[in-house]
Amino acid sequence: MNIKMLTMGAMALAMMTCSALAGNTSALDDPAKMSPFFTDAGMKTLRSEADFKTAWMAMKPDEQKAVLKDCGDTTLNKAHADFCAMAKKMGG
């Protein structure tokens, strides 16, 4: 009986963790939104400041806010440090 309860508890915890992780999407990980800011398909090289500003201004204000919010997250910022630094310069 105890093993059944432990197993059921572990499964419930695993399902809750997976659903929480699946809902944690970032604007910074959306290739459709991010590709205009980079010169390469692998999104490693940022465009010039002028081109970055053009792409930034083409975004809707709510998208800009979402990006800046995600850049405020220390974990996401580490993965996108150069981009976030430029985005903060443009909008924050």
PDB file of N, CA and C in Angstrom:
ATOM      1  N   MET A   1       0.817  -1.191   0.000  1.00  0.00           N
ATOM      2  CA  MET A   1       0.000   0.000   0.000  1.00  0.00           C
ATOM      3  C   MET A   1       0.865   1.261   0.000  1.00  0.00           C
ATOM      4  N   ASN A   2       1.916   1.294   0.799  1.00  0.00           N
ATOM      5  CA  ASN A   2       2.786   2.464   0.856  1.00  0.00           C
ATOM      6  C   ASN A   2       3.510   2.694  -0.465  1.00  0.00           C
ATOM      7  N   ILE A   3       3.920   1.633  -1.121  1.00  0.00           N
ATOM      8  CA  ILE A   3       4.618   1.773  -2.398  1.00  0.00           C
ATOM      9  C   ILE A   3       3.669   2.353  -3.442  1.00  0.00           C
ATOM     10  N   LYS A   4       2.402   1.917  -3.419  1.00  0.00           N
ATOM     11  CA  LYS A   4       1.414   2.466  -4.349  1.00  0.00           C
ATOM     12  C   LYS A   4       1.239   3.965  -4.126  1.00  0.00           C
ATOM     13  N   MET A   5       1.147   4.371  -2.876  1.00  0.00           N
ATOM     14  CA  MET A   5       0.947   5.786  -2.560  1.00  0.00           C
ATOM     15  C   MET A   5       2.172   6.613  -2.972  1.00  0.00           C
ATOM     16  N   LEU A   6       3.350   6.095  -2.703  1.00  0.00           N
ATOM     17  CA  LEU A   6       4.572   6.797  -3.100  1.00  0.00           C
ATOM     18  C   LEU A   6       4.671   6.927  -4.614  1.00  0.00           C
ATOM     19  N   THR A   7       4.334   5.863  -5.309  1.00  0.00           N
ATOM     20  CA  THR A   7       4.378   5.874  -6.765  1.00  0.00           C
ATOM     21  C   THR A   7       3.380   6.885  -7.328  1.00  0.00           C
ATOM     22  N   MET A   8       2.179   6.889  -6.792  1.00  0.00           N
ATOM     23  CA  MET A   8       1.160   7.829  -7.264  1.00  0.00           C
ATOM     24  C   MET A   8       1.580   9.276  -6.963  1.00  0.00           C
ATOM     25  N   GLY A   9       2.159   9.487  -5.800  1.00  0.00           N
ATOM     26  CA  GLY A   9       2.628  10.829  -5.443  1.00  0.00           C
ATOM     27  C   GLY A   9       3.738  11.288  -6.370  1.00  0.00           C
ATOM     28  N   ALA A  10       4.669  10.395  -6.659  1.00  0.00           N
ATOM     29  CA  ALA A  10       5.779  10.731  -7.553  1.00  0.00           C
ATOM     30  C   ALA A  10       5.273  11.041  -8.960  1.00  0.00           C
ATOM     31  N   MET A  11       4.289  10.275  -9.425  1.00  0.00           N
ATOM     32  CA  MET A  11       3.743  10.511 -10.756  1.00  0.00           C
ATOM     33  C   MET A  11       3.016  11.856 -10.806  1.00  0.00           C
ATOM     34  N   ALA A  12       2.265  12.168  -9.756  1.00  0.00           N
ATOM     35  CA  ALA A  12       1.545  13.447  -9.730  1.00  0.00           C
ATOM     36  C   ALA A  12       2.532  14.608  -9.723  1.00  0.00           C
ATOM     37  N   LEU A  13       3.582  14.486  -8.947  1.00  0.00           N
ATOM     38  CA  LEU A  13       4.602  15.531  -8.895  1.00  0.00           C
ATOM     39  C   LEU A  13       5.278  15.698 -10.252  1.00  0.00           C
ATOM     40  N   ALA A  14       5.589  14.590 -10.908  1.00  0.00           N
ATOM     41  CA  ALA A  14       6.227  14.649 -12.224  1.00  0.00           C
ATOM     42  C   ALA A  14       5.318  15.329 -13.247  1.00  0.00           C
ATOM     43  N   MET A  15       4.036  15.026 -13.203  1.00  0.00           N
ATOM     44  CA  MET A  15       3.102  15.640 -14.153  1.00  0.00           C
ATOM     45  C   MET A  15       2.963  17.137 -13.894  1.00  0.00           C
ATOM     46  N   MET A  16       2.924  17.545 -12.636  1.00  0.00           N
ATOM     47  CA  MET A  16       2.815  18.970 -12.325  1.00  0.00           C
ATOM     48  C   MET A  16       4.073  19.712 -12.767  1.00  0.00           C
ATOM     49  N   THR A  17       5.227  19.101 -12.555  1.00  0.00           N
ATOM     50  CA  THR A  17       6.495  19.727 -12.948  1.00  0.00           C
ATOM     51  C   THR A  17       6.558  19.889 -14.459  1.00  0.00           C
ATOM     52  N   CYS A  18       6.188  18.856 -15.189  1.00  0.00           N
ATOM     53  CA  CYS A  18       6.224  18.922 -16.655  1.00  0.00           C
ATOM     54  C   CYS A  18       5.274  19.976 -17.186  1.00  0.00           C
ATOM     55  N   SER A  19       4.078  20.060 -16.630  1.00  0.00           N
ATOM     56  CA  SER A  19       3.133  21.058 -17.127  1.00  0.00           C
ATOM     57  C   SER A  19       3.599  22.464 -16.780  1.00  0.00           C
ATOM     58  N   ALA A  20       4.247  22.640 -15.640  1.00  0.00           N
ATOM     59  CA  ALA A  20       4.771  23.963 -15.279  1.00  0.00           C
ATOM     60  C   ALA A  20       5.900  24.362 -16.214  1.00  0.00           C
ATOM     61  N   LEU A  21       6.751  23.420 -16.551  1.00  0.00           N
ATOM     62  CA  LEU A  21       7.861  23.720 -17.455  1.00  0.00           C
ATOM     63  C   LEU A  21       7.370  23.987 -18.870  1.00  0.00           C
ATOM     64  N   ALA A  22       6.365  23.283 -19.294  1.00  0.00           N
ATOM     65  CA  ALA A  22       5.838  23.464 -20.648  1.00  0.00           C
ATOM     66  C   ALA A  22       5.203  24.837 -20.805  1.00  0.00           C
ATOM     67  N   GLY A  23       4.635  25.383 -19.759  1.00  0.00           N
ATOM     68  CA  GLY A  23       3.997  26.687 -19.839  1.00  0.00           C
ATOM     69  C   GLY A  23       4.973  27.835 -19.719  1.00  0.00           C
ATOM     70  N   ASN A  24       6.227  27.549 -19.455  1.00  0.00           N
ATOM     71  CA  ASN A  24       7.234  28.596 -19.240  1.00  0.00           C
ATOM     72  C   ASN A  24       7.942  28.910 -20.550  1.00  0.00           C
ATOM     73  N   THR A  25       7.239  29.603 -21.444  1.00  0.00           N
ATOM     74  CA  THR A  25       7.840  29.958 -22.725  1.00  0.00           C
ATOM     75  C   THR A  25       8.310  31.406 -22.671  1.00  0.00           C
ATOM     76  N   SER A  26       9.318  31.675 -23.418  1.00  0.00           N
ATOM     77  CA  SER A  26       9.919  33.001 -23.404  1.00  0.00           C
ATOM     78  C   SER A  26       9.855  33.624 -24.792  1.00  0.00           C
ATOM     79  N   ALA A  27       9.618  34.915 -24.817  1.00  0.00           N
ATOM     80  CA  ALA A  27       9.658  35.641 -26.088  1.00  0.00           C
ATOM     81  C   ALA A  27      11.055  35.546 -26.696  1.00  0.00           C
ATOM     82  N   LEU A  28      12.064  35.390 -25.841  1.00  0.00           N
ATOM     83  CA  LEU A  28      13.454  35.315 -26.312  1.00  0.00           C
ATOM     84  C   LEU A  28      13.755  34.012 -27.039  1.00  0.00           C
ATOM     85  N   ASP A  29      12.898  33.026 -26.876  1.00  0.00           N
ATOM     86  CA  ASP A  29      13.114  31.736 -27.532  1.00  0.00           C
ATOM     87  C   ASP A  29      12.216  31.536 -28.743  1.00  0.00           C
ATOM     88  N   ASP A  30      11.543  32.585 -29.184  1.00  0.00           N
ATOM     89  CA  ASP A  30      10.649  32.518 -30.337  1.00  0.00           C
ATOM     90  C   ASP A  30      11.414  32.965 -31.585  1.00  0.00           C
ATOM     91  N   PRO A  31      11.807  32.013 -32.437  1.00  0.00           N
ATOM     92  CA  PRO A  31      12.604  32.367 -33.624  1.00  0.00           C
ATOM     93  C   PRO A  31      11.914  33.382 -34.535  1.00  0.00           C
ATOM     94  N   ALA A  32      10.602  33.336 -34.629  1.00  0.00           N
ATOM     95  CA  ALA A  32       9.890  34.276 -35.505  1.00  0.00           C
ATOM     96  C   ALA A  32      10.068  35.717 -35.030  1.00  0.00           C
ATOM     97  N   LYS A  33      10.071  35.914 -33.710  1.00  0.00           N
ATOM     98  CA  LYS A  33      10.239  37.256 -33.164  1.00  0.00           C
ATOM     99  C   LYS A  33      11.698  37.679 -33.121  1.00  0.00           C
ATOM    100  N   MET A  34      12.579  36.738 -32.936  1.00  0.00           N
ATOM    101  CA  MET A  34      13.975  37.062 -32.692  1.00  0.00           C
ATOM    102  C   MET A  34      14.833  37.155 -33.954  1.00  0.00           C
ATOM    103  N   SER A  35      14.470  36.463 -35.017  1.00  0.00           N
ATOM    104  CA  SER A  35      15.322  36.427 -36.210  1.00  0.00           C
ATOM    105  C   SER A  35      15.622  37.798 -36.821  1.00  0.00           C
ATOM    106  N   PRO A  36      14.712  38.792 -36.767  1.00  0.00           N
ATOM    107  CA  PRO A  36      15.062  40.096 -37.347  1.00  0.00           C
ATOM    108  C   PRO A  36      16.229  40.803 -36.643  1.00  0.00           C
ATOM    109  N   PHE A  37      16.586  40.352 -35.451  1.00  0.00           N
ATOM    110  CA  PHE A  37      17.643  40.997 -34.684  1.00  0.00           C
ATOM    111  C   PHE A  37      19.027  40.392 -34.936  1.00  0.00           C
ATOM    112  N   PHE A  38      19.067  39.306 -35.707  1.00  0.00           N
ATOM    113  CA  PHE A  38      20.322  38.587 -35.918  1.00  0.00           C
ATOM    114  C   PHE A  38      20.652  38.479 -37.406  1.00  0.00           C
ATOM    115  N   THR A  39      21.943  38.380 -37.690  1.00  0.00           N
ATOM    116  CA  THR A  39      22.385  38.285 -39.081  1.00  0.00           C
ATOM    117  C   THR A  39      22.433  36.859 -39.593  1.00  0.00           C
ATOM    118  N   ASP A  40      22.413  35.885 -38.687  1.00  0.00           N
ATOM    119  CA  ASP A  40      22.568  34.492 -39.088  1.00  0.00           C
ATOM    120  C   ASP A  40      21.385  33.649 -38.623  1.00  0.00           C
ATOM    121  N   ALA A  41      21.187  32.520 -39.297  1.00  0.00           N
ATOM    122  CA  ALA A  41      20.060  31.638 -38.983  1.00  0.00           C
ATOM    123  C   ALA A  41      20.185  31.032 -37.587  1.00  0.00           C
ATOM    124  N   GLY A  42      21.410  30.849 -37.099  1.00  0.00           N
ATOM    125  CA  GLY A  42      21.623  30.293 -35.774  1.00  0.00           C
ATOM    126  C   GLY A  42      21.416  31.305 -34.660  1.00  0.00           C
ATOM    127  N   MET A  43      21.124  32.540 -35.034  1.00  0.00           N
ATOM    128  CA  MET A  43      20.865  33.650 -34.113  1.00  0.00           C
ATOM    129  C   MET A  43      21.983  33.799 -33.077  1.00  0.00           C
ATOM    130  N   LYS A  44      23.197  33.935 -33.592  1.00  0.00           N
ATOM    131  CA  LYS A  44      24.366  34.135 -32.740  1.00  0.00           C
ATOM    132  C   LYS A  44      24.965  35.532 -32.892  1.00  0.00           C
ATOM    133  N   THR A  45      24.791  36.146 -34.073  1.00  0.00           N
ATOM    134  CA  THR A  45      25.414  37.440 -34.350  1.00  0.00           C
ATOM    135  C   THR A  45      24.348  38.521 -34.466  1.00  0.00           C
ATOM    136  N   LEU A  46      24.393  39.488 -33.547  1.00  0.00           N
ATOM    137  CA  LEU A  46      23.425  40.586 -33.567  1.00  0.00           C
ATOM    138  C   LEU A  46      23.661  41.506 -34.758  1.00  0.00           C
ATOM    139  N   ARG A  47      22.613  42.111 -35.224  1.00  0.00           N
ATOM    140  CA  ARG A  47      22.719  43.125 -36.270  1.00  0.00           C
ATOM    141  C   ARG A  47      23.328  44.390 -35.678  1.00  0.00           C
ATOM    142  N   SER A  48      23.628  45.339 -36.542  1.00  0.00           N
ATOM    143  CA  SER A  48      24.170  46.622 -36.082  1.00  0.00           C
ATOM    144  C   SER A  48      23.132  47.312 -35.198  1.00  0.00           C
ATOM    145  N   GLU A  49      23.566  48.296 -34.441  1.00  0.00           N
ATOM    146  CA  GLU A  49      22.649  49.003 -33.550  1.00  0.00           C
ATOM    147  C   GLU A  49      21.505  49.653 -34.324  1.00  0.00           C
ATOM    148  N   ALA A  50      21.801  50.223 -35.485  1.00  0.00           N
ATOM    149  CA  ALA A  50      20.758  50.862 -36.304  1.00  0.00           C
ATOM    150  C   ALA A  50      19.739  49.831 -36.790  1.00  0.00           C
ATOM    151  N   ASP A  51      20.220  48.674 -37.273  1.00  0.00           N
ATOM    152  CA  ASP A  51      19.310  47.622 -37.740  1.00  0.00           C
ATOM    153  C   ASP A  51      18.516  47.026 -36.581  1.00  0.00           C
ATOM    154  N   PHE A  52      19.176  46.897 -35.427  1.00  0.00           N
ATOM    155  CA  PHE A  52      18.508  46.394 -34.236  1.00  0.00           C
ATOM    156  C   PHE A  52      17.359  47.342 -33.863  1.00  0.00           C
ATOM    157  N   LYS A  53      17.633  48.635 -33.902  1.00  0.00           N
ATOM    158  CA  LYS A  53      16.613  49.630 -33.555  1.00  0.00           C
ATOM    159  C   LYS A  53      15.435  49.559 -34.515  1.00  0.00           C
ATOM    160  N   THR A  54      15.704  49.377 -35.798  1.00  0.00           N
ATOM    161  CA  THR A  54      14.638  49.244 -36.793  1.00  0.00           C
ATOM    162  C   THR A  54      13.758  48.036 -36.476  1.00  0.00           C
ATOM    163  N   ALA A  55      14.397  46.910 -36.181  1.00  0.00           N
ATOM    164  CA  ALA A  55      13.645  45.700 -35.839  1.00  0.00           C
ATOM    165  C   ALA A  55      12.872  45.895 -34.534  1.00  0.00           C
ATOM    166  N   TRP A  56      13.482  46.580 -33.573  1.00  0.00           N
ATOM    167  CA  TRP A  56      12.840  46.837 -32.281  1.00  0.00           C
ATOM    168  C   TRP A  56      11.577  47.694 -32.471  1.00  0.00           C
ATOM    169  N   MET A  57      11.703  48.736 -33.275  1.00  0.00           N
ATOM    170  CA  MET A  57      10.570  49.640 -33.496  1.00  0.00           C
ATOM    171  C   MET A  57       9.447  48.964 -34.286  1.00  0.00           C
ATOM    172  N   ALA A  58       9.773  47.918 -35.028  1.00  0.00           N
ATOM    173  CA  ALA A  58       8.762  47.183 -35.790  1.00  0.00           C
ATOM    174  C   ALA A  58       7.929  46.261 -34.897  1.00  0.00           C
ATOM    175  N   MET A  59       8.416  45.989 -33.697  1.00  0.00           N
ATOM    176  CA  MET A  59       7.680  45.134 -32.761  1.00  0.00           C
ATOM    177  C   MET A  59       6.526  45.908 -32.139  1.00  0.00           C
ATOM    178  N   LYS A  60       5.464  45.199 -31.789  1.00  0.00           N
ATOM    179  CA  LYS A  60       4.345  45.807 -31.078  1.00  0.00           C
ATOM    180  C   LYS A  60       4.800  46.136 -29.656  1.00  0.00           C
ATOM    181  N   PRO A  61       4.231  47.171 -29.054  1.00  0.00           N
ATOM    182  CA  PRO A  61       4.623  47.542 -27.688  1.00  0.00           C
ATOM    183  C   PRO A  61       4.494  46.411 -26.669  1.00  0.00           C
ATOM    184  N   ASP A  62       3.444  45.578 -26.796  1.00  0.00           N
ATOM    185  CA  ASP A  62       3.300  44.475 -25.846  1.00  0.00           C
ATOM    186  C   ASP A  62       4.386  43.412 -26.046  1.00  0.00           C
ATOM    187  N   GLU A  63       4.843  43.244 -27.288  1.00  0.00           N
ATOM    188  CA  GLU A  63       5.943  42.311 -27.552  1.00  0.00           C
ATOM    189  C   GLU A  63       7.247  42.855 -26.964  1.00  0.00           C
ATOM    190  N   GLN A  64       7.463  44.168 -27.099  1.00  0.00           N
ATOM    191  CA  GLN A  64       8.648  44.797 -26.513  1.00  0.00           C
ATOM    192  C   GLN A  64       8.655  44.608 -24.998  1.00  0.00           C
ATOM    193  N   LYS A  65       7.496  44.810 -24.376  1.00  0.00           N
ATOM    194  CA  LYS A  65       7.388  44.636 -22.919  1.00  0.00           C
ATOM    195  C   LYS A  65       7.690  43.200 -22.518  1.00  0.00           C
ATOM    196  N   ALA A  66       7.182  42.235 -23.295  1.00  0.00           N
ATOM    197  CA  ALA A  66       7.427  40.826 -22.996  1.00  0.00           C
ATOM    198  C   ALA A  66       8.918  40.505 -23.089  1.00  0.00           C
ATOM    199  N   VAL A  67       9.580  41.045 -24.102  1.00  0.00           N
ATOM    200  CA  VAL A  67      11.018  40.826 -24.266  1.00  0.00           C
ATOM    201  C   VAL A  67      11.781  41.434 -23.095  1.00  0.00           C
ATOM    202  N   LEU A  68      11.451  42.664 -22.734  1.00  0.00           N
ATOM    203  CA  LEU A  68      12.139  43.320 -21.624  1.00  0.00           C
ATOM    204  C   LEU A  68      11.883  42.594 -20.302  1.00  0.00           C
ATOM    205  N   LYS A  69      10.670  42.079 -20.144  1.00  0.00           N
ATOM    206  CA  LYS A  69      10.351  41.308 -18.938  1.00  0.00           C
ATOM    207  C   LYS A  69      11.216  40.053 -18.880  1.00  0.00           C
ATOM    208  N   ASP A  70      11.313  39.344 -20.006  1.00  0.00           N
ATOM    209  CA  ASP A  70      12.123  38.129 -20.052  1.00  0.00           C
ATOM    210  C   ASP A  70      13.599  38.448 -19.841  1.00  0.00           C
ATOM    211  N   CYS A  71      14.050  39.594 -20.338  1.00  0.00           N
ATOM    212  CA  CYS A  71      15.446  39.992 -20.133  1.00  0.00           C
ATOM    213  C   CYS A  71      15.722  40.302 -18.663  1.00  0.00           C
ATOM    214  N   GLY A  72      14.674  40.633 -17.916  1.00  0.00           N
ATOM    215  CA  GLY A  72      14.825  40.885 -16.492  1.00  0.00           C
ATOM    216  C   GLY A  72      15.003  39.618 -15.678  1.00  0.00           C
ATOM    217  N   ASP A  73      14.687  38.472 -16.268  1.00  0.00           N
ATOM    218  CA  ASP A  73      14.872  37.176 -15.606  1.00  0.00           C
ATOM    219  C   ASP A  73      16.336  36.779 -15.722  1.00  0.00           C
ATOM    220  N   THR A  74      17.006  36.578 -14.599  1.00  0.00           N
ATOM    221  CA  THR A  74      18.454  36.318 -14.628  1.00  0.00           C
ATOM    222  C   THR A  74      18.819  35.062 -15.396  1.00  0.00           C
ATOM    223  N   THR A  75      17.990  34.031 -15.327  1.00  0.00           N
ATOM    224  CA  THR A  75      18.299  32.793 -16.053  1.00  0.00           C
ATOM    225  C   THR A  75      18.209  33.013 -17.558  1.00  0.00           C
ATOM    226  N   LEU A  76      17.139  33.660 -18.009  1.00  0.00           N
ATOM    227  CA  LEU A  76      16.980  33.921 -19.444  1.00  0.00           C
ATOM    228  C   LEU A  76      18.020  34.918 -19.938  1.00  0.00           C
ATOM    229  N   ASN A  77      18.333  35.898 -19.106  1.00  0.00           N
ATOM    230  CA  ASN A  77      19.292  36.927 -19.499  1.00  0.00           C
ATOM    231  C   ASN A  77      20.663  36.311 -19.757  1.00  0.00           C
ATOM    232  N   LYS A  78      21.060  35.322 -18.978  1.00  0.00           N
ATOM    233  CA  LYS A  78      22.371  34.679 -19.184  1.00  0.00           C
ATOM    234  C   LYS A  78      22.471  34.085 -20.585  1.00  0.00           C
ATOM    235  N   ALA A  79      21.396  33.467 -21.034  1.00  0.00           N
ATOM    236  CA  ALA A  79      21.408  32.826 -22.353  1.00  0.00           C
ATOM    237  C   ALA A  79      21.331  33.839 -23.493  1.00  0.00           C
ATOM    238  N   HIS A  80      20.857  35.051 -23.195  1.00  0.00           N
ATOM    239  CA  HIS A  80      20.644  36.059 -24.231  1.00  0.00           C
ATOM    240  C   HIS A  80      21.251  37.401 -23.815  1.00  0.00           C
ATOM    241  N   ALA A  81      22.396  37.381 -23.179  1.00  0.00           N
ATOM    242  CA  ALA A  81      22.980  38.579 -22.562  1.00  0.00           C
ATOM    243  C   ALA A  81      23.201  39.720 -23.556  1.00  0.00           C
ATOM    244  N   ASP A  82      23.796  39.441 -24.703  1.00  0.00           N
ATOM    245  CA  ASP A  82      24.071  40.498 -25.685  1.00  0.00           C
ATOM    246  C   ASP A  82      22.779  41.107 -26.214  1.00  0.00           C
ATOM    247  N   PHE A  83      21.829  40.244 -26.553  1.00  0.00           N
ATOM    248  CA  PHE A  83      20.547  40.725 -27.048  1.00  0.00           C
ATOM    249  C   PHE A  83      19.855  41.575 -25.984  1.00  0.00           C
ATOM    250  N   CYS A  84      19.818  41.090 -24.741  1.00  0.00           N
ATOM    251  CA  CYS A  84      19.131  41.813 -23.671  1.00  0.00           C
ATOM    252  C   CYS A  84      19.776  43.161 -23.404  1.00  0.00           C
ATOM    253  N   ALA A  85      21.084  43.225 -23.477  1.00  0.00           N
ATOM    254  CA  ALA A  85      21.767  44.493 -23.269  1.00  0.00           C
ATOM    255  C   ALA A  85      21.337  45.510 -24.328  1.00  0.00           C
ATOM    256  N   MET A  86      21.245  45.051 -25.560  1.00  0.00           N
ATOM    257  CA  MET A  86      20.830  45.952 -26.651  1.00  0.00           C
ATOM    258  C   MET A  86      19.343  46.300 -26.508  1.00  0.00           C
ATOM    259  N   ALA A  87      18.498  45.338 -26.132  1.00  0.00           N
ATOM    260  CA  ALA A  87      17.062  45.590 -25.983  1.00  0.00           C
ATOM    261  C   ALA A  87      16.827  46.606 -24.859  1.00  0.00           C
ATOM    262  N   LYS A  88      17.542  46.463 -23.776  1.00  0.00           N
ATOM    263  CA  LYS A  88      17.398  47.417 -22.668  1.00  0.00           C
ATOM    264  C   LYS A  88      17.819  48.813 -23.087  1.00  0.00           C
ATOM    265  N   LYS A  89      18.820  48.875 -23.934  1.00  0.00           N
ATOM    266  CA  LYS A  89      19.277  50.155 -24.452  1.00  0.00           C
ATOM    267  C   LYS A  89      18.200  50.817 -25.315  1.00  0.00           C
ATOM    268  N   MET A  90      17.460  49.989 -26.054  1.00  0.00           N
ATOM    269  CA  MET A  90      16.417  50.508 -26.953  1.00  0.00           C
ATOM    270  C   MET A  90      15.143  50.883 -26.196  1.00  0.00           C
ATOM    271  N   GLY A  91      14.766  50.033 -25.248  1.00  0.00           N
ATOM    272  CA  GLY A  91      13.445  50.236 -24.667  1.00  0.00           C
ATOM    273  C   GLY A  91      13.391  50.396 -23.177  1.00  0.00           C
ATOM    274  N   GLY A  92      14.493  50.378 -22.535  1.00  0.00           N
ATOM    275  CA  GLY A  92      14.354  50.397 -21.100  1.00  0.00           C
ATOM    276  C   GLY A  92      15.276  51.297 -20.424  1.00  0.00           C
TER     277      GLY A  92
END
